């Protein structure tokens, strides 16, 4: 039997009846061959594959009665915010489940995952940390006991091809909507055994919708408008250059290359009458084509950069000095107010 990897727990002995273990190197997973009779075989996984932080959005802090509760809750909050910040720069992708088309984006980390999905009528999300992922995996995959980091890696390997438009041949996706949210079901295989997962998505808060959809779309619209204006300016310059050649006696060797001078108003009218109806009939699934995905990523990267700048500016003063500085400022303002009051007193 091969030796366990460094940092992993010792392998379990053969199961009942001398059943050998099958190891899957590098995955942090080992599966017992099912016994010939009795209960189904089980899986054992070495722990300690990598360090992880518990991130769980909206769950009760396990240290609620502890004096360390504020620090732990801050840790959960900061890790969850980092996960959503990473999600921000991920572009939306068009996915199809049955007859329904959705836009979706997802981000996986060792600390958990966050999924955002929309049918352009509603927006749902799920943010789950390692504790929630571990608990759900036990409920859905009783024959597998997978270290959470390996489990997240496998889940990521199923979702990323889906968002790229190339879902795996052995993976099936389906969704179920309800008044309380949306469930995305995943059915696949993991090391030869059936693998199941459910994303439990609830309605996304308005701030999340604005941050990931509305504001980036407004900024993309402004960016595209500036791009169009620059192209129009370039066309007018080219027309002026061509006209100068003509006045100098230059002629085209191939008449089919001749073009009419660019007229912006005529172009806009033709676009609204001919091109726009064709674009709108393409369907909602084409909302984020490849070029727009790149623009979305560029826009959200700029927003994340500005957010980091604001955060750094706000944290220039140590937190212990901020209240003192505030109190000093208030004292100075109070002193100035008293001086002005004294000046305004009648003699």
C-alpha atoms as a PDB file:
ATOM      1  CA  UNK A   1       0.000   0.000   0.000  1.00  0.00           C
ATOM      2  CA  UNK A   2       1.463   3.451  -0.913  1.00  0.00           C
ATOM      3  CA  UNK A   3       2.457   5.732   1.927  1.00  0.00           C
ATOM      4  CA  UNK A   4       0.186   8.690   2.671  1.00  0.00           C
ATOM      5  CA  UNK A   5       1.279  12.077   1.433  1.00  0.00           C
ATOM      6  CA  UNK A   6       3.098  14.418   3.779  1.00  0.00           C
ATOM      7  CA  UNK A   7       0.730  16.324   6.009  1.00  0.00           C
ATOM      8  CA  UNK A   8      -2.101  13.825   5.508  1.00  0.00           C
ATOM      9  CA  UNK A   9      -3.585  11.608   8.170  1.00  0.00           C
ATOM     10  CA  UNK A  10      -2.554   7.931   8.113  1.00  0.00           C
ATOM     11  CA  UNK A  11      -4.593   5.732   5.790  1.00  0.00           C
ATOM     12  CA  UNK A  12      -7.274   3.615   7.378  1.00  0.00           C
ATOM     13  CA  UNK A  13      -6.742  -0.134   7.635  1.00  0.00           C
ATOM     14  CA  UNK A  14      -8.538  -2.471   5.248  1.00  0.00           C
ATOM     15  CA  UNK A  15     -12.275  -2.607   5.782  1.00  0.00           C
ATOM     16  CA  UNK A  16     -14.317  -5.467   7.043  1.00  0.00           C
ATOM     17  CA  UNK A  17     -13.574  -8.723   5.330  1.00  0.00           C
ATOM     18  CA  UNK A  18     -10.143  -7.506   4.277  1.00  0.00           C
ATOM     19  CA  UNK A  19     -11.503  -5.134   1.646  1.00  0.00           C
ATOM     20  CA  UNK A  20      -8.585  -3.075   0.283  1.00  0.00           C
ATOM     21  CA  UNK A  21      -8.624   0.674  -0.109  1.00  0.00           C
ATOM     22  CA  UNK A  22      -8.357   2.379  -3.490  1.00  0.00           C
ATOM     23  CA  UNK A  23      -6.342   5.557  -3.311  1.00  0.00           C
ATOM     24  CA  UNK A  24      -6.587   8.487  -5.668  1.00  0.00           C
ATOM     25  CA  UNK A  25      -3.343  10.392  -5.344  1.00  0.00           C
ATOM     26  CA  UNK A  26      -3.394  14.138  -5.180  1.00  0.00           C
ATOM     27  CA  UNK A  27      -7.161  14.310  -4.668  1.00  0.00           C
ATOM     28  CA  UNK A  28      -7.201  13.739  -0.914  1.00  0.00           C
ATOM     29  CA  UNK A  29      -9.640  10.871  -1.426  1.00  0.00           C
ATOM     30  CA  UNK A  30      -9.683   7.131  -0.773  1.00  0.00           C
ATOM     31  CA  UNK A  31     -12.667   4.834  -1.346  1.00  0.00           C
ATOM     32  CA  UNK A  32     -13.345   1.455   0.200  1.00  0.00           C
ATOM     33  CA  UNK A  33     -14.504  -1.231  -2.200  1.00  0.00           C
ATOM     34  CA  UNK A  34     -18.135  -1.992  -1.350  1.00  0.00           C
ATOM     35  CA  UNK A  35     -18.425  -5.155   0.759  1.00  0.00           C
ATOM     36  CA  UNK A  36     -20.111  -8.143  -0.771  1.00  0.00           C
ATOM     37  CA  UNK A  37     -22.990  -7.902   1.697  1.00  0.00           C
ATOM     38  CA  UNK A  38     -24.337  -5.580   4.359  1.00  0.00           C
ATOM     39  CA  UNK A  39     -24.128  -1.785   4.187  1.00  0.00           C
ATOM     40  CA  UNK A  40     -22.693   0.079   1.242  1.00  0.00           C
ATOM     41  CA  UNK A  41     -19.001   0.896   1.200  1.00  0.00           C
ATOM     42  CA  UNK A  42     -17.821   4.186   2.601  1.00  0.00           C
ATOM     43  CA  UNK A  43     -15.092   6.624   1.679  1.00  0.00           C
ATOM     44  CA  UNK A  44     -12.283   7.872   3.877  1.00  0.00           C
ATOM     45  CA  UNK A  45     -10.187  10.928   3.156  1.00  0.00           C
ATOM     46  CA  UNK A  46      -6.976  12.105   4.790  1.00  0.00           C
ATOM     47  CA  UNK A  47      -7.475  15.394   6.504  1.00  0.00           C
ATOM     48  CA  UNK A  48      -5.148  18.361   6.464  1.00  0.00           C
ATOM     49  CA  UNK A  49      -4.789  18.806   2.722  1.00  0.00           C
ATOM     50  CA  UNK A  50      -4.625  22.574   3.102  1.00  0.00           C
ATOM     51  CA  UNK A  51      -5.544  25.253   5.604  1.00  0.00           C
ATOM     52  CA  UNK A  52      -8.977  26.769   5.178  1.00  0.00           C
ATOM     53  CA  UNK A  53     -10.968  29.602   6.751  1.00  0.00           C
ATOM     54  CA  UNK A  54     -14.596  29.116   7.653  1.00  0.00           C
ATOM     55  CA  UNK A  55     -16.783  31.465   5.658  1.00  0.00           C
ATOM     56  CA  UNK A  56     -20.535  31.230   5.881  1.00  0.00           C
ATOM     57  CA  UNK A  57     -22.905  34.020   4.966  1.00  0.00           C
ATOM     58  CA  UNK A  58     -25.777  34.462   7.369  1.00  0.00           C
ATOM     59  CA  UNK A  59     -25.027  31.518   9.632  1.00  0.00           C
ATOM     60  CA  UNK A  60     -25.023  31.700  13.444  1.00  0.00           C
ATOM     61  CA  UNK A  61     -21.558  32.297  14.842  1.00  0.00           C
ATOM     62  CA  UNK A  62     -20.532  29.178  16.824  1.00  0.00           C
ATOM     63  CA  UNK A  63     -18.861  31.368  19.416  1.00  0.00           C
ATOM     64  CA  UNK A  64     -21.993  33.353  20.225  1.00  0.00           C
ATOM     65  CA  UNK A  65     -21.432  32.895  23.954  1.00  0.00           C
ATOM     66  CA  UNK A  66     -17.687  33.470  23.759  1.00  0.00           C
ATOM     67  CA  UNK A  67     -15.784  36.640  24.478  1.00  0.00           C
ATOM     68  CA  UNK A  68     -14.053  36.118  21.122  1.00  0.00           C
ATOM     69  CA  UNK A  69     -17.329  36.429  19.184  1.00  0.00           C
ATOM     70  CA  UNK A  70     -16.598  39.912  17.711  1.00  0.00           C
ATOM     71  CA  UNK A  71     -13.221  38.797  16.330  1.00  0.00           C
ATOM     72  CA  UNK A  72     -14.689  35.599  14.834  1.00  0.00           C
ATOM     73  CA  UNK A  73     -17.636  37.409  13.284  1.00  0.00           C
ATOM     74  CA  UNK A  74     -15.267  39.985  11.764  1.00  0.00           C
ATOM     75  CA  UNK A  75     -13.219  37.121  10.331  1.00  0.00           C
ATOM     76  CA  UNK A  76     -16.332  35.605   8.719  1.00  0.00           C
ATOM     77  CA  UNK A  77     -17.408  39.003   7.393  1.00  0.00           C
ATOM     78  CA  UNK A  78     -13.987  39.918   5.958  1.00  0.00           C
ATOM     79  CA  UNK A  79     -13.575  36.521   4.281  1.00  0.00           C
ATOM     80  CA  UNK A  80     -17.077  36.723   2.798  1.00  0.00           C
ATOM     81  CA  UNK A  81     -16.387  40.228   1.488  1.00  0.00           C
ATOM     82  CA  UNK A  82     -13.134  39.054  -0.092  1.00  0.00           C
ATOM     83  CA  UNK A  83     -15.015  36.223  -1.815  1.00  0.00           C
ATOM     84  CA  UNK A  84     -17.612  38.624  -3.216  1.00  0.00           C
ATOM     85  CA  UNK A  85     -14.873  41.041  -4.320  1.00  0.00           C
ATOM     86  CA  UNK A  86     -13.283  38.186  -6.261  1.00  0.00           C
ATOM     87  CA  UNK A  87     -16.681  37.393  -7.789  1.00  0.00           C
ATOM     88  CA  UNK A  88     -17.087  41.006  -8.940  1.00  0.00           C
ATOM     89  CA  UNK A  89     -14.398  40.747 -11.621  1.00  0.00           C
ATOM     90  CA  UNK A  90     -15.720  37.422 -12.945  1.00  0.00           C
ATOM     91  CA  UNK A  91     -17.706  38.008 -16.160  1.00  0.00           C
ATOM     92  CA  UNK A  92     -21.280  36.878 -16.605  1.00  0.00           C
ATOM     93  CA  UNK A  93     -21.819  33.843 -18.838  1.00  0.00           C
ATOM     94  CA  UNK A  94     -24.916  32.544 -20.584  1.00  0.00           C
ATOM     95  CA  UNK A  95     -26.050  29.087 -19.444  1.00  0.00           C
ATOM     96  CA  UNK A  96     -29.078  27.024 -20.365  1.00  0.00           C
ATOM     97  CA  UNK A  97     -31.017  24.583 -18.178  1.00  0.00           C
ATOM     98  CA  UNK A  98     -33.769  22.870 -20.114  1.00  0.00           C
ATOM     99  CA  UNK A  99     -35.765  25.564 -21.904  1.00  0.00           C
ATOM    100  CA  UNK A 100     -34.581  28.379 -19.628  1.00  0.00           C
ATOM    101  CA  UNK A 101     -31.616  30.670 -20.250  1.00  0.00           C
ATOM    102  CA  UNK A 102     -29.724  32.271 -17.375  1.00  0.00           C
ATOM    103  CA  UNK A 103     -26.771  34.538 -16.793  1.00  0.00           C
ATOM    104  CA  UNK A 104     -24.442  33.215 -14.127  1.00  0.00           C
ATOM    105  CA  UNK A 105     -21.090  33.830 -12.499  1.00  0.00           C
ATOM    106  CA  UNK A 106     -19.305  31.902  -9.759  1.00  0.00           C
ATOM    107  CA  UNK A 107     -16.126  32.120  -7.724  1.00  0.00           C
ATOM    108  CA  UNK A 108     -14.488  29.232  -5.849  1.00  0.00           C
ATOM    109  CA  UNK A 109     -11.816  29.537  -3.176  1.00  0.00           C
ATOM    110  CA  UNK A 110     -10.473  27.296  -0.407  1.00  0.00           C
ATOM    111  CA  UNK A 111     -12.711  29.329   1.893  1.00  0.00           C
ATOM    112  CA  UNK A 112     -15.918  28.435   0.028  1.00  0.00           C
ATOM    113  CA  UNK A 113     -17.811  29.648  -3.009  1.00  0.00           C
ATOM    114  CA  UNK A 114     -20.293  32.272  -4.107  1.00  0.00           C
ATOM    115  CA  UNK A 115     -22.731  31.864  -7.014  1.00  0.00           C
ATOM    116  CA  UNK A 116     -24.806  34.594  -8.650  1.00  0.00           C
ATOM    117  CA  UNK A 117     -27.463  33.660 -11.222  1.00  0.00           C
ATOM    118  CA  UNK A 118     -30.219  35.597 -13.004  1.00  0.00           C
ATOM    119  CA  UNK A 119     -32.938  35.048 -15.591  1.00  0.00           C
ATOM    120  CA  UNK A 120     -33.113  38.861 -16.086  1.00  0.00           C
ATOM    121  CA  UNK A 121     -36.369  38.865 -14.143  1.00  0.00           C
ATOM    122  CA  UNK A 122     -34.908  37.827 -10.788  1.00  0.00           C
ATOM    123  CA  UNK A 123     -31.427  37.485  -9.333  1.00  0.00           C
ATOM    124  CA  UNK A 124     -30.434  34.747  -6.876  1.00  0.00           C
ATOM    125  CA  UNK A 125     -27.220  33.933  -5.056  1.00  0.00           C
ATOM    126  CA  UNK A 126     -25.622  31.554  -2.600  1.00  0.00           C
ATOM    127  CA  UNK A 127     -22.535  32.136  -0.489  1.00  0.00           C
ATOM    128  CA  UNK A 128     -21.346  29.012   1.322  1.00  0.00           C
ATOM    129  CA  UNK A 129     -18.300  28.424   3.496  1.00  0.00           C
ATOM    130  CA  UNK A 130     -16.400  25.250   4.239  1.00  0.00           C
ATOM    131  CA  UNK A 131     -18.656  24.299   7.139  1.00  0.00           C
ATOM    132  CA  UNK A 132     -21.837  24.527   5.060  1.00  0.00           C
ATOM    133  CA  UNK A 133     -20.182  22.740   2.118  1.00  0.00           C
ATOM    134  CA  UNK A 134     -18.959  19.937   4.345  1.00  0.00           C
ATOM    135  CA  UNK A 135     -22.343  19.435   5.979  1.00  0.00           C
ATOM    136  CA  UNK A 136     -24.247  19.413   2.678  1.00  0.00           C
ATOM    137  CA  UNK A 137     -21.774  17.022   1.063  1.00  0.00           C
ATOM    138  CA  UNK A 138     -22.403  14.545   3.895  1.00  0.00           C
ATOM    139  CA  UNK A 139     -26.153  14.767   3.337  1.00  0.00           C
ATOM    140  CA  UNK A 140     -26.003  14.367  -0.459  1.00  0.00           C
ATOM    141  CA  UNK A 141     -23.038  11.998  -0.840  1.00  0.00           C
ATOM    142  CA  UNK A 142     -23.156   9.509   2.007  1.00  0.00           C
ATOM    143  CA  UNK A 143     -20.588   7.203   0.406  1.00  0.00           C
ATOM    144  CA  UNK A 144     -18.024   9.984   0.050  1.00  0.00           C
ATOM    145  CA  UNK A 145     -16.172  11.728   2.835  1.00  0.00           C
ATOM    146  CA  UNK A 146     -14.082  14.278   0.983  1.00  0.00           C
ATOM    147  CA  UNK A 147     -11.836  16.932   2.435  1.00  0.00           C
ATOM    148  CA  UNK A 148     -13.625  20.222   1.775  1.00  0.00           C
ATOM    149  CA  UNK A 149     -10.799  21.791  -0.258  1.00  0.00           C
ATOM    150  CA  UNK A 150     -10.752  18.788  -2.618  1.00  0.00           C
ATOM    151  CA  UNK A 151     -14.540  18.856  -2.782  1.00  0.00           C
ATOM    152  CA  UNK A 152     -14.529  22.553  -3.763  1.00  0.00           C
ATOM    153  CA  UNK A 153     -11.899  21.869  -6.427  1.00  0.00           C
ATOM    154  CA  UNK A 154     -14.089  19.148  -7.940  1.00  0.00           C
ATOM    155  CA  UNK A 155     -17.189  21.346  -7.832  1.00  0.00           C
ATOM    156  CA  UNK A 156     -15.214  24.106  -9.547  1.00  0.00           C
ATOM    157  CA  UNK A 157     -14.101  21.668 -12.261  1.00  0.00           C
ATOM    158  CA  UNK A 158     -17.791  20.981 -13.000  1.00  0.00           C
ATOM    159  CA  UNK A 159     -19.032  24.576 -13.018  1.00  0.00           C
ATOM    160  CA  UNK A 160     -16.231  26.248 -15.000  1.00  0.00           C
ATOM    161  CA  UNK A 161     -16.799  24.201 -18.202  1.00  0.00           C
ATOM    162  CA  UNK A 162     -20.532  24.951 -17.896  1.00  0.00           C
ATOM    163  CA  UNK A 163     -19.875  28.708 -17.832  1.00  0.00           C
ATOM    164  CA  UNK A 164     -17.457  28.315 -20.740  1.00  0.00           C
ATOM    165  CA  UNK A 165     -20.220  26.672 -22.791  1.00  0.00           C
ATOM    166  CA  UNK A 166     -18.640  23.220 -22.655  1.00  0.00           C
ATOM    167  CA  UNK A 167     -20.324  21.201 -19.864  1.00  0.00           C
ATOM    168  CA  UNK A 168     -18.893  17.765 -19.174  1.00  0.00           C
ATOM    169  CA  UNK A 169     -20.489  14.790 -20.898  1.00  0.00           C
ATOM    170  CA  UNK A 170     -21.005  12.980 -17.575  1.00  0.00           C
ATOM    171  CA  UNK A 171     -22.461  16.019 -15.781  1.00  0.00           C
ATOM    172  CA  UNK A 172     -26.147  16.956 -15.743  1.00  0.00           C
ATOM    173  CA  UNK A 173     -27.585  20.267 -14.541  1.00  0.00           C
ATOM    174  CA  UNK A 174     -31.179  21.171 -13.756  1.00  0.00           C
ATOM    175  CA  UNK A 175     -32.897  23.949 -11.836  1.00  0.00           C
ATOM    176  CA  UNK A 176     -36.045  24.302  -9.792  1.00  0.00           C
ATOM    177  CA  UNK A 177     -37.626  27.663  -8.978  1.00  0.00           C
ATOM    178  CA  UNK A 178     -39.805  28.426  -6.002  1.00  0.00           C
ATOM    179  CA  UNK A 179     -41.179  31.581  -4.357  1.00  0.00           C
ATOM    180  CA  UNK A 180     -38.329  31.421  -1.829  1.00  0.00           C
ATOM    181  CA  UNK A 181     -35.496  31.018  -4.334  1.00  0.00           C
ATOM    182  CA  UNK A 182     -33.866  28.731  -6.864  1.00  0.00           C
ATOM    183  CA  UNK A 183     -32.143  25.371  -6.562  1.00  0.00           C
ATOM    184  CA  UNK A 184     -29.526  24.275  -9.053  1.00  0.00           C
ATOM    185  CA  UNK A 185     -29.020  20.501  -9.091  1.00  0.00           C
ATOM    186  CA  UNK A 186     -25.747  18.925 -10.222  1.00  0.00           C
ATOM    187  CA  UNK A 187     -25.317  15.225 -10.950  1.00  0.00           C
ATOM    188  CA  UNK A 188     -21.925  13.842 -11.922  1.00  0.00           C
ATOM    189  CA  UNK A 189     -19.224  11.394 -10.848  1.00  0.00           C
ATOM    190  CA  UNK A 190     -16.290  11.610  -8.477  1.00  0.00           C
ATOM    191  CA  UNK A 191     -13.664   8.878  -8.667  1.00  0.00           C
ATOM    192  CA  UNK A 192     -16.138   6.389 -10.099  1.00  0.00           C
ATOM    193  CA  UNK A 193     -18.900   7.067  -7.572  1.00  0.00           C
ATOM    194  CA  UNK A 194     -22.114   9.085  -8.084  1.00  0.00           C
ATOM    195  CA  UNK A 195     -21.754  12.715  -7.066  1.00  0.00           C
ATOM    196  CA  UNK A 196     -24.606  15.090  -6.247  1.00  0.00           C
ATOM    197  CA  UNK A 197     -24.751  18.742  -5.317  1.00  0.00           C
ATOM    198  CA  UNK A 198     -27.479  21.333  -4.809  1.00  0.00           C
ATOM    199  CA  UNK A 199     -26.935  25.087  -4.856  1.00  0.00           C
ATOM    200  CA  UNK A 200     -29.512  26.668  -2.531  1.00  0.00           C
ATOM    201  CA  UNK A 201     -29.940  30.167  -3.960  1.00  0.00           C
ATOM    202  CA  UNK A 202     -32.012  32.877  -2.320  1.00  0.00           C
ATOM    203  CA  UNK A 203     -32.986  36.299  -3.735  1.00  0.00           C
ATOM    204  CA  UNK A 204     -29.952  38.561  -3.995  1.00  0.00           C
ATOM    205  CA  UNK A 205     -29.981  41.815  -2.014  1.00  0.00           C
ATOM    206  CA  UNK A 206     -30.368  45.004  -4.035  1.00  0.00           C
ATOM    207  CA  UNK A 207     -26.827  46.159  -3.246  1.00  0.00           C
ATOM    208  CA  UNK A 208     -25.421  42.974  -4.786  1.00  0.00           C
ATOM    209  CA  UNK A 209     -27.590  43.391  -7.898  1.00  0.00           C
ATOM    210  CA  UNK A 210     -26.454  46.995  -8.309  1.00  0.00           C
ATOM    211  CA  UNK A 211     -22.807  46.135  -7.729  1.00  0.00           C
ATOM    212  CA  UNK A 212     -22.605  43.138 -10.069  1.00  0.00           C
ATOM    213  CA  UNK A 213     -25.110  44.088 -12.765  1.00  0.00           C
ATOM    214  CA  UNK A 214     -26.561  47.607 -12.801  1.00  0.00           C
ATOM    215  CA  UNK A 215     -23.481  49.746 -12.125  1.00  0.00           C
ATOM    216  CA  UNK A 216     -21.155  47.742 -14.424  1.00  0.00           C
ATOM    217  CA  UNK A 217     -23.742  47.933 -17.237  1.00  0.00           C
ATOM    218  CA  UNK A 218     -24.001  51.713 -16.835  1.00  0.00           C
ATOM    219  CA  UNK A 219     -20.217  52.035 -16.889  1.00  0.00           C
ATOM    220  CA  UNK A 220     -20.009  49.715 -19.908  1.00  0.00           C
ATOM    221  CA  UNK A 221     -22.567  51.900 -21.678  1.00  0.00           C
ATOM    222  CA  UNK A 222     -20.468  55.012 -21.004  1.00  0.00           C
ATOM    223  CA  UNK A 223     -17.309  53.238 -22.155  1.00  0.00           C
ATOM    224  CA  UNK A 224     -18.950  52.085 -25.389  1.00  0.00           C
ATOM    225  CA  UNK A 225     -20.316  55.590 -26.005  1.00  0.00           C
ATOM    226  CA  UNK A 226     -16.824  57.064 -25.666  1.00  0.00           C
ATOM    227  CA  UNK A 227     -15.488  54.349 -27.950  1.00  0.00           C
ATOM    228  CA  UNK A 228     -18.114  55.166 -30.600  1.00  0.00           C
ATOM    229  CA  UNK A 229     -17.296  58.881 -30.428  1.00  0.00           C
ATOM    230  CA  UNK A 230     -13.604  58.158 -30.912  1.00  0.00           C
ATOM    231  CA  UNK A 231     -14.376  55.933 -33.920  1.00  0.00           C
ATOM    232  CA  UNK A 232     -16.595  58.627 -35.433  1.00  0.00           C
ATOM    233  CA  UNK A 233     -13.797  61.168 -34.990  1.00  0.00           C
ATOM    234  CA  UNK A 234     -11.367  58.780 -36.659  1.00  0.00           C
ATOM    235  CA  UNK A 235     -13.734  58.227 -39.594  1.00  0.00           C
ATOM    236  CA  UNK A 236     -14.116  61.972 -40.129  1.00  0.00           C
ATOM    237  CA  UNK A 237     -10.329  62.354 -40.116  1.00  0.00           C
ATOM    238  CA  UNK A 238     -10.008  59.565 -42.673  1.00  0.00           C
ATOM    239  CA  UNK A 239     -12.635  61.243 -44.890  1.00  0.00           C
ATOM    240  CA  UNK A 240     -10.676  64.501 -44.707  1.00  0.00           C
ATOM    241  CA  UNK A 241      -7.481  62.650 -45.640  1.00  0.00           C
ATOM    242  CA  UNK A 242      -9.158  60.941 -48.621  1.00  0.00           C
ATOM    243  CA  UNK A 243     -10.624  64.245 -49.820  1.00  0.00           C
ATOM    244  CA  UNK A 244      -7.168  65.810 -49.694  1.00  0.00           C
ATOM    245  CA  UNK A 245      -5.825  62.996 -51.884  1.00  0.00           C
ATOM    246  CA  UNK A 246      -8.651  63.542 -54.379  1.00  0.00           C
ATOM    247  CA  UNK A 247      -8.006  67.270 -54.580  1.00  0.00           C
ATOM    248  CA  UNK A 248      -4.341  66.472 -55.256  1.00  0.00           C
ATOM    249  CA  UNK A 249      -5.354  64.414 -58.296  1.00  0.00           C
ATOM    250  CA  UNK A 250      -5.084  60.948 -56.771  1.00  0.00           C
ATOM    251  CA  UNK A 251      -7.497  58.316 -58.166  1.00  0.00           C
ATOM    252  CA  UNK A 252      -8.518  54.849 -57.055  1.00  0.00           C
ATOM    253  CA  UNK A 253      -7.102  51.963 -59.030  1.00  0.00           C
ATOM    254  CA  UNK A 254     -10.119  49.854 -57.996  1.00  0.00           C
ATOM    255  CA  UNK A 255     -13.455  51.582 -58.194  1.00  0.00           C
ATOM    256  CA  UNK A 256     -15.181  49.080 -55.891  1.00  0.00           C
ATOM    257  CA  UNK A 257     -13.230  50.512 -52.944  1.00  0.00           C
ATOM    258  CA  UNK A 258     -14.865  53.926 -53.289  1.00  0.00           C
ATOM    259  CA  UNK A 259     -16.939  54.953 -50.247  1.00  0.00           C
ATOM    260  CA  UNK A 260     -19.262  57.825 -49.505  1.00  0.00           C
ATOM    261  CA  UNK A 261     -18.234  60.395 -46.880  1.00  0.00           C
ATOM    262  CA  UNK A 262     -19.392  59.382 -43.394  1.00  0.00           C
ATOM    263  CA  UNK A 263     -22.515  61.121 -42.137  1.00  0.00           C
ATOM    264  CA  UNK A 264     -23.126  60.486 -38.434  1.00  0.00           C
ATOM    265  CA  UNK A 265     -26.833  61.337 -38.457  1.00  0.00           C
ATOM    266  CA  UNK A 266     -27.525  59.051 -41.431  1.00  0.00           C
ATOM    267  CA  UNK A 267     -25.546  56.275 -39.807  1.00  0.00           C
ATOM    268  CA  UNK A 268     -27.531  56.552 -36.533  1.00  0.00           C
ATOM    269  CA  UNK A 269     -30.865  56.475 -38.383  1.00  0.00           C
ATOM    270  CA  UNK A 270     -29.895  53.380 -40.380  1.00  0.00           C
ATOM    271  CA  UNK A 271     -28.624  51.669 -37.236  1.00  0.00           C
ATOM    272  CA  UNK A 272     -31.890  52.265 -35.345  1.00  0.00           C
ATOM    273  CA  UNK A 273     -34.005  51.106 -38.297  1.00  0.00           C
ATOM    274  CA  UNK A 274     -32.003  48.084 -39.467  1.00  0.00           C
ATOM    275  CA  UNK A 275     -29.381  46.845 -37.008  1.00  0.00           C
ATOM    276  CA  UNK A 276     -31.157  47.417 -33.678  1.00  0.00           C
ATOM    277  CA  UNK A 277     -34.179  45.153 -34.363  1.00  0.00           C
ATOM    278  CA  UNK A 278     -31.837  42.352 -35.425  1.00  0.00           C
ATOM    279  CA  UNK A 279     -29.759  42.731 -32.258  1.00  0.00           C
ATOM    280  CA  UNK A 280     -32.823  42.733 -29.973  1.00  0.00           C
ATOM    281  CA  UNK A 281     -34.235  39.599 -31.620  1.00  0.00           C
ATOM    282  CA  UNK A 282     -31.055  37.644 -30.869  1.00  0.00           C
ATOM    283  CA  UNK A 283     -32.391  36.768 -27.397  1.00  0.00           C
ATOM    284  CA  UNK A 284     -31.365  37.450 -23.822  1.00  0.00           C
ATOM    285  CA  UNK A 285     -28.803  34.652 -23.827  1.00  0.00           C
ATOM    286  CA  UNK A 286     -26.491  36.746 -25.996  1.00  0.00           C
ATOM    287  CA  UNK A 287     -26.316  39.540 -23.420  1.00  0.00           C
ATOM    288  CA  UNK A 288     -22.661  38.908 -22.631  1.00  0.00           C
ATOM    289  CA  UNK A 289     -20.757  37.863 -25.731  1.00  0.00           C
ATOM    290  CA  UNK A 290     -16.994  37.374 -25.545  1.00  0.00           C
ATOM    291  CA  UNK A 291     -16.066  41.010 -26.266  1.00  0.00           C
ATOM    292  CA  UNK A 292     -18.569  42.296 -23.702  1.00  0.00           C
ATOM    293  CA  UNK A 293     -17.258  39.832 -21.115  1.00  0.00           C
ATOM    294  CA  UNK A 294     -13.816  41.383 -21.545  1.00  0.00           C
ATOM    295  CA  UNK A 295     -15.283  44.877 -21.203  1.00  0.00           C
ATOM    296  CA  UNK A 296     -17.253  43.835 -18.100  1.00  0.00           C
ATOM    297  CA  UNK A 297     -14.082  42.440 -16.506  1.00  0.00           C
ATOM    298  CA  UNK A 298     -12.136  45.618 -17.333  1.00  0.00           C
ATOM    299  CA  UNK A 299     -14.877  47.845 -15.879  1.00  0.00           C
ATOM    300  CA  UNK A 300     -15.244  45.844 -12.666  1.00  0.00           C
ATOM    301  CA  UNK A 301     -11.471  45.699 -12.222  1.00  0.00           C
ATOM    302  CA  UNK A 302     -11.433  49.505 -12.280  1.00  0.00           C
ATOM    303  CA  UNK A 303     -14.264  49.590  -9.741  1.00  0.00           C
ATOM    304  CA  UNK A 304     -12.402  47.149  -7.478  1.00  0.00           C
ATOM    305  CA  UNK A 305      -9.259  49.282  -7.813  1.00  0.00           C
ATOM    306  CA  UNK A 306     -11.171  52.425  -6.788  1.00  0.00           C
ATOM    307  CA  UNK A 307     -12.745  50.552  -3.859  1.00  0.00           C
ATOM    308  CA  UNK A 308      -9.281  49.510  -2.639  1.00  0.00           C
ATOM    309  CA  UNK A 309      -8.101  53.121  -2.857  1.00  0.00           C
ATOM    310  CA  UNK A 310     -11.079  54.303  -0.810  1.00  0.00           C
ATOM    311  CA  UNK A 311     -10.465  51.541   1.721  1.00  0.00           C
ATOM    312  CA  UNK A 312      -6.780  52.464   2.022  1.00  0.00           C
ATOM    313  CA  UNK A 313      -7.622  56.144   2.448  1.00  0.00           C
ATOM    314  CA  UNK A 314     -10.123  55.328   5.184  1.00  0.00           C
ATOM    315  CA  UNK A 315      -7.608  53.173   7.052  1.00  0.00           C
ATOM    316  CA  UNK A 316      -4.640  55.573   7.027  1.00  0.00           C
ATOM    317  CA  UNK A 317      -5.256  56.336  10.701  1.00  0.00           C
ATOM    318  CA  UNK A 318      -5.117  53.417  13.158  1.00  0.00           C
ATOM    319  CA  UNK A 319      -8.541  52.557  14.517  1.00  0.00           C
ATOM    320  CA  UNK A 320      -7.405  53.464  18.038  1.00  0.00           C
ATOM    321  CA  UNK A 321      -6.467  56.961  16.881  1.00  0.00           C
ATOM    322  CA  UNK A 322      -9.580  57.591  14.802  1.00  0.00           C
ATOM    323  CA  UNK A 323     -11.954  58.259  17.770  1.00  0.00           C
ATOM    324  CA  UNK A 324      -9.326  60.503  19.409  1.00  0.00           C
ATOM    325  CA  UNK A 325      -8.823  62.435  16.178  1.00  0.00           C
ATOM    326  CA  UNK A 326     -12.581  62.762  15.837  1.00  0.00           C
ATOM    327  CA  UNK A 327     -12.911  64.014  19.437  1.00  0.00           C
ATOM    328  CA  UNK A 328     -10.095  66.523  18.915  1.00  0.00           C
ATOM    329  CA  UNK A 329     -11.793  67.782  15.767  1.00  0.00           C
ATOM    330  CA  UNK A 330     -15.098  68.148  17.582  1.00  0.00           C
ATOM    331  CA  UNK A 331     -13.382  70.015  20.421  1.00  0.00           C
ATOM    332  CA  UNK A 332     -11.729  72.412  17.973  1.00  0.00           C
ATOM    333  CA  UNK A 333     -15.040  73.022  16.197  1.00  0.00           C
ATOM    334  CA  UNK A 334     -16.712  73.659  19.563  1.00  0.00           C
ATOM    335  CA  UNK A 335     -13.990  76.126  20.538  1.00  0.00           C
ATOM    336  CA  UNK A 336     -14.391  77.975  17.239  1.00  0.00           C
ATOM    337  CA  UNK A 337     -18.167  78.122  17.772  1.00  0.00           C
ATOM    338  CA  UNK A 338     -17.708  79.654  21.224  1.00  0.00           C
ATOM    339  CA  UNK A 339     -15.265  82.218  19.812  1.00  0.00           C
ATOM    340  CA  UNK A 340     -17.731  83.182  17.102  1.00  0.00           C
ATOM    341  CA  UNK A 341     -20.489  83.409  19.709  1.00  0.00           C
ATOM    342  CA  UNK A 342     -18.369  85.730  21.857  1.00  0.00           C
ATOM    343  CA  UNK A 343     -17.613  87.904  18.839  1.00  0.00           C
ATOM    344  CA  UNK A 344     -21.303  88.201  18.057  1.00  0.00           C
ATOM    345  CA  UNK A 345     -22.270  89.272  21.604  1.00  0.00           C
ATOM    346  CA  UNK A 346     -23.339  92.917  21.795  1.00  0.00           C
ATOM    347  CA  UNK A 347     -20.945  95.231  23.572  1.00  0.00           C
END
